[in-house]
């Protein structure tokens, strides 16, 4: 058995394993459509390897050669479909399928050219390069911001496209790709070509597997950290993200503030109007927090009716204004299921991180400020001026009162 035949058998086996791996990922909601298309692409890769392996058995190899080309190009199109589904881009199915038909016809007719003709070789290899660059364009145009793995994927797609484009010249340098299709697998070029194909196919597949697994794990983590009712982070999720925000703010040398809010008289809402109405109060307040928070803020429901929001890049004065605005706006919101004249309110505690503190210290001071707000009659904001517990106050209407900072 020649080296190229051996590589083909490896390709056949590896393509089957990769197809099975992508189908295993397809059982998850995250990336299901992408994984199915990728699995289909590698199944076509198996078919391509089988056709290539069978070519020496044909007296007239024109049709199997054209079939192998079409199947492999179809595999790259399916791969691009998976990329498009993964990266939220509309797959360019019609242009890719028209390209498949046109290039397959071209490959059929160039079989009449001399076997070592550069045009014939380029007609066979350049369409693969084009499809790799289409995949690169799909990832590049993604609405998602590319992460480290995504950038590596783009680099490998570019390199793969270039290796396909260079194959006609590699074949020329190595003395051609066999005197006839039957002799192809015995040529030095076949060994190089199949080896390059294996390396890039594996690299692309492993990168996509890593990216899809990354997304599945991120989704699982997100669900485990999300409160179902409010759709904000739960206490564990908030703590993790808030600690990261504190570390980031400390590294950048920017202020970071924490606001803790507690819904006033929440038990009486449940007792008077039922738990469904209480749930709507939580949903309304959480929705207001989501709308008020910027993308870099961290908001969570850390207790039954207690909420927290971390504000990186925000000092104490700005955080107090945020709390006052939230308090005032929420108290004016009607709640579905409650009487029209009934309004819900919330109390707020605010603290800014001191250089000598960590997240736990900040949380404690903000919680103490909230306790002060509750004792002051609720529906108000209290702030902690610093670790020395020097309290300042803001009244219900937001005006300064004696002793305020």
Protein backbone atom coordinates (compact mmCIF):
# COMPACT_ATOMS: atom_id res chain seq x y z
CA UNK A 1 0.00 0.00 0.00
CA UNK A 2 1.38 3.42 -0.98
CA UNK A 3 1.81 6.23 1.51
CA UNK A 4 -1.02 8.18 -0.14
CA UNK A 5 -3.35 5.16 0.19
CA UNK A 6 -2.47 4.92 3.85
CA UNK A 7 -3.23 8.63 4.36
CA UNK A 8 -6.55 8.18 2.57
CA UNK A 9 -7.50 5.40 4.99
CA UNK A 10 -6.56 7.65 7.89
CA UNK A 11 -8.64 10.45 6.39
CA UNK A 12 -11.61 8.10 6.04
CA UNK A 13 -11.39 7.03 9.68
CA UNK A 14 -10.75 10.51 11.05
CA UNK A 15 -13.62 12.00 9.04
CA UNK A 16 -15.95 9.39 10.53
CA UNK A 17 -14.79 10.14 14.06
CA UNK A 18 -15.19 13.88 13.53
CA UNK A 19 -18.67 13.44 12.07
CA UNK A 20 -19.64 11.41 15.15
CA UNK A 21 -18.13 14.07 17.43
CA UNK A 22 -20.14 16.86 15.82
CA UNK A 23 -23.32 14.78 16.02
CA UNK A 24 -22.65 14.29 19.74
CA UNK A 25 -22.47 18.07 20.16
CA UNK A 26 -25.67 18.45 18.11
CA UNK A 27 -27.72 16.98 20.97
CA UNK A 28 -27.30 20.31 22.80
CA UNK A 29 -29.45 23.31 21.95
CA UNK A 30 -26.37 25.52 21.65
CA UNK A 31 -24.79 25.12 18.21
CA UNK A 32 -27.17 22.32 17.17
CA UNK A 33 -27.67 23.52 13.58
CA UNK A 34 -23.96 24.31 13.18
CA UNK A 35 -22.88 20.92 14.50
CA UNK A 36 -25.27 19.07 12.17
CA UNK A 37 -23.91 20.84 9.10
CA UNK A 38 -20.34 20.20 10.22
CA UNK A 39 -21.13 16.53 10.79
CA UNK A 40 -22.65 16.35 7.31
CA UNK A 41 -19.53 17.97 5.88
CA UNK A 42 -17.27 15.34 7.42
CA UNK A 43 -19.57 12.55 6.26
CA UNK A 44 -19.06 13.91 2.76
CA UNK A 45 -15.34 13.89 3.54
CA UNK A 46 -15.62 10.15 4.20
CA UNK A 47 -17.37 9.69 0.85
CA UNK A 48 -14.63 11.68 -0.88
CA UNK A 49 -11.90 9.46 0.62
CA UNK A 50 -13.79 6.34 -0.43
CA UNK A 51 -14.13 7.60 -4.02
CA UNK A 52 -10.45 8.57 -4.19
CA UNK A 53 -9.49 5.14 -2.90
CA UNK A 54 -11.61 3.43 -5.59
CA UNK A 55 -10.35 5.43 -8.60
CA UNK A 56 -7.59 2.92 -9.56
CA UNK A 57 -10.31 0.30 -10.12
CA UNK A 58 -11.85 2.30 -13.00
CA UNK A 59 -10.66 2.04 -16.57
CA UNK A 60 -12.15 5.42 -17.44
CA UNK A 61 -11.73 7.56 -14.32
CA UNK A 62 -13.34 10.75 -15.63
CA UNK A 63 -16.63 10.32 -13.73
CA UNK A 64 -15.15 9.20 -10.39
CA UNK A 65 -12.61 12.05 -10.55
CA UNK A 66 -15.40 14.57 -11.16
CA UNK A 67 -17.52 12.91 -8.46
CA UNK A 68 -14.66 13.11 -5.97
CA UNK A 69 -14.21 16.79 -6.76
CA UNK A 70 -17.93 17.55 -6.38
CA UNK A 71 -18.24 15.60 -3.13
CA UNK A 72 -15.24 17.29 -1.54
CA UNK A 73 -16.37 20.73 -2.67
CA UNK A 74 -19.78 19.87 -1.24
CA UNK A 75 -18.05 19.03 2.04
CA UNK A 76 -16.46 22.50 2.14
CA UNK A 77 -19.86 24.06 1.39
CA UNK A 78 -21.47 22.10 4.24
CA UNK A 79 -18.61 23.23 6.49
CA UNK A 80 -19.32 26.84 5.52
CA UNK A 81 -22.99 26.26 6.28
CA UNK A 82 -21.98 25.13 9.76
CA UNK A 83 -19.78 28.20 10.16
CA UNK A 84 -22.66 30.46 9.12
CA UNK A 85 -25.04 28.83 11.61
CA UNK A 86 -22.47 29.11 14.38
CA UNK A 87 -21.63 32.76 13.74
CA UNK A 88 -25.17 34.00 13.09
CA UNK A 89 -24.62 34.76 9.40
CA UNK A 90 -27.13 33.91 6.69
CA UNK A 91 -25.56 31.03 4.73
CA UNK A 92 -24.94 31.99 1.06
CA UNK A 93 -26.49 28.73 -0.13
CA UNK A 94 -27.51 29.79 -3.64
CA UNK A 95 -24.12 31.30 -4.65
CA UNK A 96 -22.26 28.34 -3.18
CA UNK A 97 -24.49 25.77 -4.92
CA UNK A 98 -24.26 27.60 -8.25
CA UNK A 99 -20.49 27.68 -7.76
CA UNK A 100 -20.54 23.92 -7.11
CA UNK A 101 -22.45 23.24 -10.34
CA UNK A 102 -20.29 25.58 -12.45
CA UNK A 103 -16.95 24.31 -11.16
CA UNK A 104 -18.02 20.64 -11.39
CA UNK A 105 -18.87 21.19 -15.07
CA UNK A 106 -15.52 22.93 -15.55
CA UNK A 107 -13.65 20.02 -13.96
CA UNK A 108 -15.52 17.59 -16.22
CA UNK A 109 -14.48 19.43 -19.36
CA UNK A 110 -10.85 20.14 -18.37
CA UNK A 111 -10.30 16.37 -18.21
CA UNK A 112 -9.69 16.70 -21.96
CA UNK A 113 -6.66 18.93 -21.33
CA UNK A 114 -3.20 17.39 -20.88
CA UNK A 115 -2.94 15.75 -17.48
CA UNK A 116 -0.11 18.02 -16.29
CA UNK A 117 -1.77 21.19 -17.61
CA UNK A 118 -1.61 23.99 -15.05
CA UNK A 119 -5.12 25.10 -16.05
CA UNK A 120 -6.45 21.62 -15.37
CA UNK A 121 -4.79 21.50 -11.96
CA UNK A 122 -6.01 24.98 -11.04
CA UNK A 123 -9.58 24.16 -12.11
CA UNK A 124 -9.49 21.30 -9.61
CA UNK A 125 -7.86 23.09 -6.67
CA UNK A 126 -8.87 26.77 -6.82
CA UNK A 127 -12.59 26.12 -6.05
CA UNK A 128 -11.53 24.56 -2.74
CA UNK A 129 -9.47 27.64 -1.98
CA UNK A 130 -12.44 29.88 -2.81
CA UNK A 131 -14.67 27.98 -0.38
CA UNK A 132 -12.10 28.31 2.40
CA UNK A 133 -11.99 32.06 1.86
CA UNK A 134 -15.80 32.15 1.86
CA UNK A 135 -15.64 30.47 5.28
CA UNK A 136 -13.12 33.09 6.39
CA UNK A 137 -15.48 35.85 5.21
CA UNK A 138 -18.36 34.27 7.15
CA UNK A 139 -16.42 34.31 10.41
CA UNK A 140 -15.07 37.81 9.68
CA UNK A 141 -18.57 39.22 9.07
CA UNK A 142 -19.98 37.65 12.21
CA UNK A 143 -22.14 39.79 14.46
CA UNK A 144 -20.31 38.21 17.40
CA UNK A 145 -17.04 39.73 18.50
CA UNK A 146 -14.29 37.25 17.59
CA UNK A 147 -12.53 35.66 20.57
CA UNK A 148 -9.07 34.12 20.61
CA UNK A 149 -10.16 30.76 19.15
CA UNK A 150 -12.22 32.49 16.46
CA UNK A 151 -9.18 34.48 15.33
CA UNK A 152 -7.13 31.29 15.16
CA UNK A 153 -9.90 29.71 13.09
CA UNK A 154 -9.76 32.60 10.62
CA UNK A 155 -5.99 32.22 10.35
CA UNK A 156 -6.25 28.48 9.68
CA UNK A 157 -8.99 29.03 7.08
CA UNK A 158 -6.73 31.52 5.31
CA UNK A 159 -3.78 29.12 5.45
CA UNK A 160 -5.95 26.28 4.17
CA UNK A 161 -7.14 28.39 1.26
CA UNK A 162 -3.54 29.26 0.38
CA UNK A 163 -2.44 25.63 0.48
CA UNK A 164 -5.20 24.67 -1.96
CA UNK A 165 -4.19 27.53 -4.25
CA UNK A 166 -0.55 26.43 -4.08
CA UNK A 167 -1.17 22.75 -4.88
CA UNK A 168 -0.92 23.12 -8.69
CA UNK A 169 2.54 24.60 -8.21
CA UNK A 170 3.49 21.93 -5.65
CA UNK A 171 2.37 19.26 -8.14
CA UNK A 172 4.50 20.86 -10.87
CA UNK A 173 7.51 20.97 -8.54
CA UNK A 174 7.08 17.28 -7.61
CA UNK A 175 6.79 16.08 -11.19
CA UNK A 176 3.01 16.14 -11.59
CA UNK A 177 0.14 14.17 -10.13
CA UNK A 178 0.61 10.92 -11.95
CA UNK A 179 0.44 9.95 -15.60
CA UNK A 180 -3.26 9.11 -15.20
CA UNK A 181 -5.89 9.09 -12.42
CA UNK A 182 -5.06 5.50 -11.60
CA UNK A 183 -1.43 6.43 -10.99
CA UNK A 184 -2.27 9.45 -8.83
CA UNK A 185 -2.06 7.62 -5.52
CA UNK A 186 1.43 6.34 -6.38
CA UNK A 187 2.81 9.85 -6.99
CA UNK A 188 4.87 11.91 -4.55
CA UNK A 189 2.42 14.75 -4.97
CA UNK A 190 -0.47 12.57 -3.77
CA UNK A 191 1.34 11.88 -0.50
CA UNK A 192 2.02 15.58 0.04
CA UNK A 193 -1.48 16.63 -1.01
CA UNK A 194 -3.27 14.07 1.16
CA UNK A 195 -1.02 14.89 4.12
CA UNK A 196 -1.70 18.61 3.82
CA UNK A 197 -5.42 17.92 3.52
CA UNK A 198 -5.34 15.78 6.66
CA UNK A 199 -3.48 18.43 8.67
CA UNK A 200 -5.83 21.27 7.71
CA UNK A 201 -9.01 19.18 7.95
CA UNK A 202 -8.00 18.09 11.45
CA UNK A 203 -6.99 21.59 12.48
CA UNK A 204 -10.29 23.10 11.30
CA UNK A 205 -12.33 20.30 12.85
CA UNK A 206 -10.57 20.47 16.21
CA UNK A 207 -10.91 24.25 16.29
CA UNK A 208 -14.64 24.03 15.55
CA UNK A 209 -15.06 21.31 18.17
CA UNK A 210 -13.27 23.51 20.71
CA UNK A 211 -15.38 26.54 19.76
CA UNK A 212 -18.66 24.62 19.96
CA UNK A 213 -17.70 22.98 23.27
CA UNK A 214 -16.71 26.43 24.56
CA UNK A 215 -20.16 27.74 23.63
CA UNK A 216 -21.93 24.76 25.22
CA UNK A 217 -19.98 25.19 28.46
CA UNK A 218 -20.65 28.94 28.42
CA UNK A 219 -24.36 28.29 28.01
CA UNK A 220 -24.39 25.71 30.81
CA UNK A 221 -22.50 28.12 33.06
CA UNK A 222 -24.85 30.96 32.14
CA UNK A 223 -27.93 28.88 32.96
CA UNK A 224 -26.45 27.79 36.28
CA UNK A 225 -25.76 31.44 37.16
CA UNK A 226 -29.07 32.91 36.01
CA UNK A 227 -32.13 33.45 38.17
CA UNK A 228 -35.12 32.09 36.27
CA UNK A 229 -37.70 34.63 37.44
CA UNK A 230 -35.72 37.86 37.09
CA UNK A 231 -33.39 36.68 34.29
CA UNK A 232 -30.59 38.41 36.18
CA UNK A 233 -27.57 36.67 37.68
CA UNK A 234 -28.30 34.65 40.81
CA UNK A 235 -26.23 35.23 43.94
CA UNK A 236 -23.44 32.86 42.94
CA UNK A 237 -23.27 34.24 39.41
CA UNK A 238 -23.35 37.83 40.62
CA UNK A 239 -20.56 37.19 43.11
CA UNK A 240 -18.32 35.63 40.48
CA UNK A 241 -18.87 38.35 37.88
CA UNK A 242 -18.72 41.16 40.42
CA UNK A 243 -15.41 39.92 41.81
CA UNK A 244 -14.02 39.87 38.26
CA UNK A 245 -15.33 43.42 37.73
CA UNK A 246 -13.62 44.57 40.94
CA UNK A 247 -10.31 42.99 39.88
CA UNK A 248 -10.61 44.57 36.44
CA UNK A 249 -11.33 48.00 37.88
CA UNK A 250 -8.38 47.71 40.27
CA UNK A 251 -6.04 46.75 37.41
CA UNK A 252 -7.23 49.70 35.32
CA UNK A 253 -7.16 52.12 38.22
CA UNK A 254 -10.79 53.19 37.79
CA UNK A 255 -13.44 53.49 40.52
CA UNK A 256 -16.08 50.84 41.06
CA UNK A 257 -19.28 51.16 43.06
CA UNK A 258 -21.90 48.75 44.31
CA UNK A 259 -25.63 49.43 44.68
CA UNK A 260 -27.82 47.05 46.70
CA UNK A 261 -31.59 47.42 46.52
CA UNK A 262 -34.38 45.79 48.49
CA UNK A 263 -38.07 45.92 47.56
CA UNK A 264 -40.07 47.58 50.34
CA UNK A 265 -42.90 45.71 52.09
CA UNK A 266 -42.61 42.86 49.62
CA UNK A 267 -44.17 40.31 51.97
CA UNK A 268 -47.32 42.43 52.17
CA UNK A 269 -47.59 42.35 48.36
CA UNK A 270 -47.52 38.55 48.42
CA UNK A 271 -49.97 38.41 51.35
CA UNK A 272 -52.41 40.94 49.88
CA UNK A 273 -52.30 40.18 46.16
CA UNK A 274 -50.79 36.71 45.87
CA UNK A 275 -47.41 35.33 44.90
CA UNK A 276 -48.10 35.79 41.18
CA UNK A 277 -48.34 39.54 41.75
CA UNK A 278 -45.16 39.42 43.84
CA UNK A 279 -43.42 37.67 40.97
CA UNK A 280 -44.53 40.42 38.59
CA UNK A 281 -43.06 43.04 40.94
CA UNK A 282 -39.72 41.19 40.85
CA UNK A 283 -39.89 40.83 37.06
CA UNK A 284 -40.69 44.54 36.66
CA UNK A 285 -37.87 45.71 38.91
CA UNK A 286 -35.40 43.29 37.29
CA UNK A 287 -36.44 44.46 33.83
CA UNK A 288 -35.89 48.04 34.89
CA UNK A 289 -32.40 47.17 36.14
CA UNK A 290 -31.56 45.43 32.86
CA UNK A 291 -32.61 48.50 30.89
CA UNK A 292 -30.82 50.95 33.18
CA UNK A 293 -27.58 48.99 33.34
CA UNK A 294 -24.84 49.49 30.76
CA UNK A 295 -23.19 46.54 29.04
CA UNK A 296 -20.25 46.47 31.47
CA UNK A 297 -22.44 46.61 34.58
CA UNK A 298 -23.16 43.45 36.56
CA UNK A 299 -26.73 43.05 37.86
CA UNK A 300 -28.10 40.20 39.94
CA UNK A 301 -30.89 39.03 42.20
CA UNK A 302 -29.02 38.05 45.34
CA UNK A 303 -32.01 37.22 47.56
CA UNK A 304 -35.76 36.89 47.49
CA UNK A 305 -36.45 40.60 46.97
CA UNK A 306 -32.87 41.86 47.13
CA UNK A 307 -30.89 42.99 44.10
CA UNK A 308 -27.37 44.23 43.48
CA UNK A 309 -25.64 45.99 40.63
CA UNK A 310 -21.90 46.50 40.27
CA UNK A 311 -20.90 49.69 38.44
CA UNK A 312 -17.29 49.58 37.16
CA UNK A 313 -15.90 52.98 36.22
CA UNK A 314 -18.43 54.71 38.49
CA UNK A 315 -17.60 56.73 41.60
CA UNK A 316 -19.76 57.17 44.69
CA UNK A 317 -21.52 60.33 43.48
CA UNK A 318 -22.47 58.82 40.13
CA UNK A 319 -23.60 55.57 41.77
CA UNK A 320 -25.81 57.53 44.15
CA UNK A 321 -27.38 59.33 41.18
CA UNK A 322 -27.96 55.97 39.52
CA UNK A 323 -29.66 54.67 42.68
CA UNK A 324 -31.78 57.82 43.06
CA UNK A 325 -32.89 57.66 39.44
CA UNK A 326 -33.76 53.99 39.73
CA UNK A 327 -35.64 54.57 43.01
CA UNK A 328 -37.65 57.47 41.60
CA UNK A 329 -38.51 55.78 38.31
CA UNK A 330 -39.49 52.46 39.87
CA UNK A 331 -41.79 54.09 42.42
CA UNK A 332 -43.74 55.62 39.54
CA UNK A 333 -44.15 52.38 37.57
CA UNK A 334 -47.56 50.64 37.53
CA UNK A 335 -47.36 46.89 38.13
CA UNK A 336 -49.65 44.50 36.28
CA UNK A 337 -51.92 42.71 38.71
CA UNK A 338 -51.80 45.44 41.36
CA UNK A 339 -54.40 48.20 41.85
CA UNK A 340 -53.80 51.25 39.64
CA UNK A 341 -53.13 53.47 42.65
CA UNK A 342 -50.71 51.00 44.22
CA UNK A 343 -47.04 51.76 43.77
CA UNK A 344 -44.07 49.68 44.85
CA UNK A 345 -40.88 51.20 46.19
CA UNK A 346 -37.34 50.09 46.94
CA UNK A 347 -34.58 51.08 49.33
CA UNK A 348 -30.94 51.42 48.27
CA UNK A 349 -27.49 51.19 49.80
CA UNK A 350 -24.48 52.50 47.90
CA UNK A 351 -20.74 52.10 48.46
CA UNK A 352 -17.58 52.75 46.47
CA UNK A 353 -14.60 50.41 46.65
CA UNK A 354 -11.73 51.71 48.78
CA UNK A 355 -8.13 50.73 47.81
CA UNK A 356 -7.74 48.77 51.04
CA UNK A 357 -10.90 46.69 50.43
CA UNK A 358 -11.93 43.62 48.51
CA UNK A 359 -15.34 42.64 47.15
CA UNK A 360 -16.51 41.19 50.47
CA UNK A 361 -15.76 44.46 52.28
CA UNK A 362 -17.58 46.46 49.60
CA UNK A 363 -20.59 44.16 49.82
CA UNK A 364 -20.70 44.51 53.59
CA UNK A 365 -20.65 48.31 53.51
CA UNK A 366 -23.30 48.53 50.80
CA UNK A 367 -25.47 46.13 52.79
CA UNK A 368 -25.04 48.26 55.91
CA UNK A 369 -26.04 51.33 53.92
CA UNK A 370 -29.16 49.47 52.77
CA UNK A 371 -29.94 48.62 56.39
CA UNK A 372 -29.71 52.33 57.22
CA UNK A 373 -32.12 53.11 54.36
CA UNK A 374 -34.62 50.59 55.70
CA UNK A 375 -34.39 52.08 59.19
CA UNK A 376 -34.83 55.59 57.79
CA UNK A 377 -38.30 54.79 56.52
CA UNK A 378 -37.59 53.00 53.19
CA UNK A 379 -37.92 54.41 49.66
CA UNK A 380 -34.62 56.25 50.07
CA UNK A 381 -30.91 55.99 49.33
CA UNK A 382 -28.10 55.77 51.86
CA UNK A 383 -24.41 55.82 51.04
CA UNK A 384 -21.31 54.62 52.82
CA UNK A 385 -18.58 57.24 52.59
CA UNK A 386 -15.76 54.79 53.30
CA UNK A 387 -14.47 51.92 55.40
CA UNK A 388 -14.79 54.04 58.56
CA UNK A 389 -18.58 53.67 58.17
CA UNK A 390 -19.09 57.43 57.88
CA UNK A 391 -22.68 57.40 56.66
CA UNK A 392 -24.32 59.99 54.42
CA UNK A 393 -27.95 60.20 53.47
CA UNK A 394 -30.27 61.20 50.72
CA UNK A 395 -33.93 61.85 51.39
CA UNK A 396 -36.87 60.43 49.50
CA UNK A 397 -36.93 63.35 47.11
CA UNK A 398 -33.17 63.20 46.56
CA UNK A 399 -32.40 66.54 48.28
CA UNK A 400 -29.50 66.86 50.67
CA UNK A 401 -30.19 66.77 54.38
CA UNK A 402 -27.97 67.86 57.27
CA UNK A 403 -24.83 65.78 57.61
CA UNK A 404 -24.82 64.70 53.91
CA UNK A 405 -21.53 64.45 52.04
